[in-house]
Protein backbone atom coordinates (compact mmCIF):
# COMPACT_ATOMS: atom_id res chain seq x y z
CA MET A 1 -117.38 -42.58 23.23
CA LEU A 2 -116.15 -46.06 24.07
CA SER A 3 -112.53 -46.39 25.11
CA LEU A 4 -110.93 -49.83 25.14
CA ARG A 5 -107.38 -48.47 25.18
CA ALA A 6 -104.50 -50.49 26.56
CA ASN A 7 -106.43 -53.68 27.30
CA GLN A 8 -104.19 -56.13 25.39
CA ILE A 9 -107.11 -56.82 23.00
CA GLU A 10 -106.14 -59.13 20.15
CA LYS A 11 -109.46 -59.25 18.29
CA ILE A 12 -112.28 -56.73 17.84
CA GLU A 13 -115.50 -58.48 18.83
CA ASN A 14 -118.82 -58.13 20.68
CA LEU A 15 -119.45 -54.57 19.47
CA ASP A 16 -122.38 -55.40 17.16
CA ASP A 17 -125.09 -52.74 16.88
CA LEU A 18 -123.70 -50.50 19.60
CA PHE A 19 -124.72 -46.87 19.16
CA ILE A 20 -121.26 -45.35 19.47
CA GLU A 21 -119.77 -42.53 17.41
CA GLU A 22 -116.22 -42.68 18.78
CA LEU A 23 -114.18 -45.80 19.50
CA SER A 24 -110.65 -46.04 20.80
CA LEU A 25 -108.81 -49.34 20.50
CA ALA A 26 -105.36 -47.77 20.71
CA HIS A 27 -102.43 -49.42 22.52
CA ASN A 28 -103.67 -53.00 22.10
CA ASN A 29 -102.39 -56.09 20.27
CA LEU A 30 -104.61 -55.93 17.17
CA THR A 31 -103.26 -57.37 13.93
CA LYS A 32 -106.54 -57.37 11.93
CA ILE A 33 -109.52 -55.06 11.66
CA THR A 34 -112.73 -57.00 12.18
CA GLY A 35 -116.09 -56.60 13.89
CA LEU A 36 -116.78 -52.99 12.88
CA ASP A 37 -119.28 -53.56 10.07
CA LYS A 38 -122.34 -53.22 12.32
CA LEU A 39 -121.26 -49.97 13.97
CA GLN A 40 -123.47 -47.79 11.79
CA LEU A 41 -122.84 -44.53 13.67
CA LEU A 42 -119.06 -44.77 14.05
CA ARG A 43 -117.43 -41.45 13.07
CA GLU A 44 -114.06 -41.57 14.85
CA LEU A 45 -111.82 -44.60 15.19
CA ASP A 46 -108.47 -44.69 16.99
CA LEU A 47 -106.40 -47.78 16.20
CA ALA A 48 -103.02 -46.24 17.04
CA LYS A 49 -100.17 -48.31 18.44
CA ASN A 50 -101.25 -51.79 17.36
CA GLN A 51 -99.72 -54.24 14.87
CA ILE A 52 -102.09 -53.62 11.95
CA VAL A 53 -100.77 -54.28 8.43
CA LYS A 54 -104.00 -54.45 6.37
CA LEU A 55 -106.99 -52.11 6.31
CA LYS A 56 -109.51 -54.73 5.25
CA GLY A 57 -112.50 -54.47 7.55
CA LEU A 58 -112.85 -50.68 7.32
CA GLN A 59 -114.63 -50.57 3.94
CA THR A 60 -118.12 -50.81 5.48
CA VAL A 61 -117.72 -48.10 8.13
CA ASN A 62 -119.44 -45.52 5.90
CA LYS A 63 -119.82 -42.70 8.43
CA LEU A 64 -116.14 -42.70 9.39
CA ARG A 65 -114.63 -39.20 9.38
CA PHE A 66 -111.47 -39.61 11.46
CA LEU A 67 -109.13 -42.61 11.39
CA ASN A 68 -105.95 -42.84 13.44
CA LEU A 69 -103.63 -45.65 12.38
CA SER A 70 -100.39 -44.14 13.69
CA LEU A 71 -97.71 -46.46 15.07
CA ASN A 72 -98.86 -49.55 13.16
CA ARG A 73 -97.25 -51.57 10.36
CA VAL A 74 -99.21 -50.44 7.27
CA GLU A 75 -96.75 -50.37 4.39
CA LYS A 76 -98.66 -50.68 1.09
CA ILE A 77 -100.53 -48.01 -0.83
CA LEU A 78 -102.78 -50.83 -2.10
CA GLN A 79 -104.35 -50.96 1.36
CA LEU A 80 -106.04 -47.64 0.62
CA GLN A 81 -108.57 -49.56 -1.48
CA TYR A 82 -110.37 -50.39 1.77
CA VAL A 83 -110.88 -46.75 2.77
CA GLU A 84 -110.90 -44.83 -0.51
CA LEU A 85 -114.67 -45.12 -0.97
CA LEU A 86 -115.56 -43.95 2.54
CA PRO A 87 -117.33 -40.73 1.53
CA LEU A 88 -116.94 -38.81 4.80
CA LEU A 89 -113.32 -39.66 5.64
CA THR A 90 -111.51 -36.32 5.97
CA GLU A 91 -108.82 -36.96 8.60
CA LEU A 92 -106.32 -39.82 8.34
CA ASP A 93 -103.18 -40.47 10.35
CA PHE A 94 -100.49 -42.93 9.23
CA CYS A 95 -97.65 -41.40 11.31
CA HIS A 96 -94.85 -43.85 12.04
CA ASN A 97 -96.01 -46.48 9.53
CA PRO A 98 -93.75 -47.85 6.77
CA ILE A 99 -96.24 -46.51 4.18
CA GLN A 100 -94.84 -43.03 4.81
CA ASN A 101 -91.58 -44.11 3.18
CA LYS A 102 -93.25 -44.75 -0.18
CA LYS A 103 -92.26 -42.52 -3.08
CA HIS A 104 -94.75 -39.65 -3.43
CA TYR A 105 -96.60 -40.94 -0.35
CA ARG A 106 -98.79 -37.90 0.32
CA VAL A 107 -99.87 -37.36 -3.28
CA GLN A 108 -100.63 -41.05 -3.70
CA VAL A 109 -102.87 -41.00 -0.62
CA LEU A 110 -104.57 -37.82 -1.86
CA TYR A 111 -105.21 -39.35 -5.25
CA HIS A 112 -106.98 -42.30 -3.63
CA ILE A 113 -108.81 -40.21 -1.00
CA PRO A 114 -109.23 -36.72 -2.51
CA GLN A 115 -111.69 -35.51 0.13
CA LEU A 116 -109.02 -35.61 2.88
CA ARG A 117 -108.47 -32.35 4.72
CA THR A 118 -105.77 -33.59 7.09
CA LEU A 119 -103.14 -36.28 6.58
CA ASP A 120 -100.74 -37.22 9.39
CA GLY A 121 -101.73 -34.15 11.38
CA ALA A 122 -100.89 -31.73 8.55
CA GLU A 123 -103.54 -29.87 6.58
CA ILE A 124 -103.84 -30.66 2.89
CA VAL A 125 -103.09 -27.74 0.60
CA ALA A 126 -104.53 -27.27 -2.89
CA ASP A 127 -101.09 -27.64 -4.44
CA GLU A 128 -100.86 -31.24 -3.14
CA LYS A 129 -104.21 -32.15 -4.72
CA VAL A 130 -103.05 -30.78 -8.08
CA LYS A 131 -99.82 -32.77 -7.79
CA ALA A 132 -101.82 -35.92 -7.05
CA GLU A 133 -103.88 -35.48 -10.21
CA ASN A 134 -100.81 -34.62 -12.29
CA LEU A 135 -98.86 -37.63 -11.03
CA HIS A 136 -101.64 -39.94 -12.16
CA GLY A 137 -102.23 -38.11 -15.45
CA VAL A 138 -105.86 -37.29 -14.73
CA ASP A 139 -105.87 -34.47 -17.27
CA ILE A 140 -103.42 -35.90 -19.82
CA ASN A 141 -106.10 -36.59 -22.45
CA ASP A 142 -107.42 -33.04 -22.16
CA ARG A 143 -103.90 -31.65 -22.52
CA GLU A 144 -103.30 -33.74 -25.62
CA LYS A 145 -106.59 -32.62 -27.24
CA ILE A 146 -105.81 -28.95 -26.62
CA PHE A 147 -102.26 -29.38 -27.90
CA LYS A 148 -103.42 -31.11 -31.10
CA SER A 149 -106.11 -28.50 -31.74
CA LEU A 150 -103.50 -25.71 -31.51
CA LEU A 151 -100.59 -27.52 -33.20
CA PRO A 152 -102.04 -30.35 -35.32
CA GLN A 153 -98.80 -31.06 -37.16
CA GLU A 154 -96.73 -31.42 -33.98
CA GLN A 155 -96.29 -34.55 -31.84
CA PHE A 156 -97.69 -34.29 -28.29
CA VAL A 157 -95.17 -35.17 -25.56
CA ASP A 158 -96.10 -35.77 -21.93
CA ARG A 159 -93.67 -33.55 -20.02
CA ARG A 160 -94.66 -34.34 -16.46
CA ILE A 161 -91.59 -34.64 -14.23
CA CYS A 162 -93.08 -37.37 -12.06
CA VAL A 163 -95.45 -39.91 -13.55
CA TYR A 164 -97.53 -42.73 -12.20
CA GLU A 165 -95.35 -45.28 -13.98
CA ASP A 166 -92.41 -44.24 -11.74
CA ILE A 167 -94.23 -45.54 -8.67
CA GLU A 168 -93.01 -48.84 -7.28
CA MET A 169 -95.30 -51.77 -8.00
CA GLU A 170 -96.94 -53.60 -5.11
CA SER A 171 -98.66 -56.88 -4.39
CA ASP A 172 -101.37 -57.73 -1.88
CA ASP A 173 -99.50 -60.97 -1.17
CA PRO A 174 -97.58 -60.50 2.11
CA ASN A 175 -94.98 -63.05 0.99
CA SER A 176 -94.33 -61.27 -2.30
CA ASP A 177 -91.27 -59.15 -2.96
CA ASP A 178 -93.57 -56.76 -4.88
CA GLY A 179 -91.32 -56.88 -7.91
CA ASP A 180 -93.68 -57.73 -10.74
CA GLN A 181 -97.19 -57.30 -9.47
CA ALA A 182 -99.49 -54.27 -9.78
CA ARG A 183 -99.13 -50.57 -9.18
CA PRO A 184 -101.63 -49.16 -6.71
CA ARG A 185 -104.61 -47.86 -8.66
CA GLY A 186 -107.47 -45.96 -7.15
CA ILE A 187 -110.98 -47.11 -7.90
CA ARG A 188 -111.43 -43.87 -9.80
CA ALA A 189 -108.48 -44.70 -12.07
CA ILE A 190 -109.85 -48.16 -12.78
CA MET A 191 -113.30 -46.75 -13.58
CA ASP A 192 -111.75 -44.04 -15.81
CA HIS A 193 -109.67 -46.59 -17.68
CA GLU A 194 -112.70 -48.84 -18.24
CA SER A 195 -114.82 -45.93 -19.49
CA ARG A 196 -112.10 -44.88 -21.97
CA ALA A 197 -111.81 -48.44 -23.25
CA SER A 198 -115.51 -48.63 -24.09
C-alpha cells in the first residue's frame, strides 16, 4: 500500500514499475489520470476528492478491482469506455460526481461494466442487471423472433418503457453542448451491432 493522500499532487508521475497493489492519491489536485500504465499489480486505486473529469489513463490497469472516484467532476457516461474492458473491476464509486445525475445512471454503468458487484457503495442486484440489458435492447432480436414464430401474421412492437434512444446524447468534446453528438455505447454494443451488420 502506497498512500500519497493530501500532498497537493497535480500530476501522477515517478511510479513506474513499483510493485504496489493499493495506491491512494485521494485529496490532491489531480485533473488527469496518467502514469499508471506500468503498475502491473495495482488492484485498488483511490482517486477521491480531486478534480478529475476524464478517465483516460485507466484503460491499461488490467488488474484493477476497486476504483474510488468519489468527489470528482466526472460527468459523462462516455468516460466509461476507459474502464469497461477492465476484466476484474468489481467495485466502482462515483459518489458526488455529476455523472450520477444522468438519466438511468446506474443501469447505464451496469450495461458498460456488467461484472460490477458494488456501485457507489451499494450492492448490485440482479434486477438492475436485467434493467440494463432491457434498456439497451440486448434481447430485442430474440423477442422479435419468438413473437414472429408464434404470431407470424402480427406486427412485432417493442414495448419497453425505457429505451436506449431516450438517453441523452453526449460528446467527448469538453466544449460541446452535447446536443447532436453520440449516445454512449458500450464496446459490447458496438461489437454486437457490427456482427449483426455482417
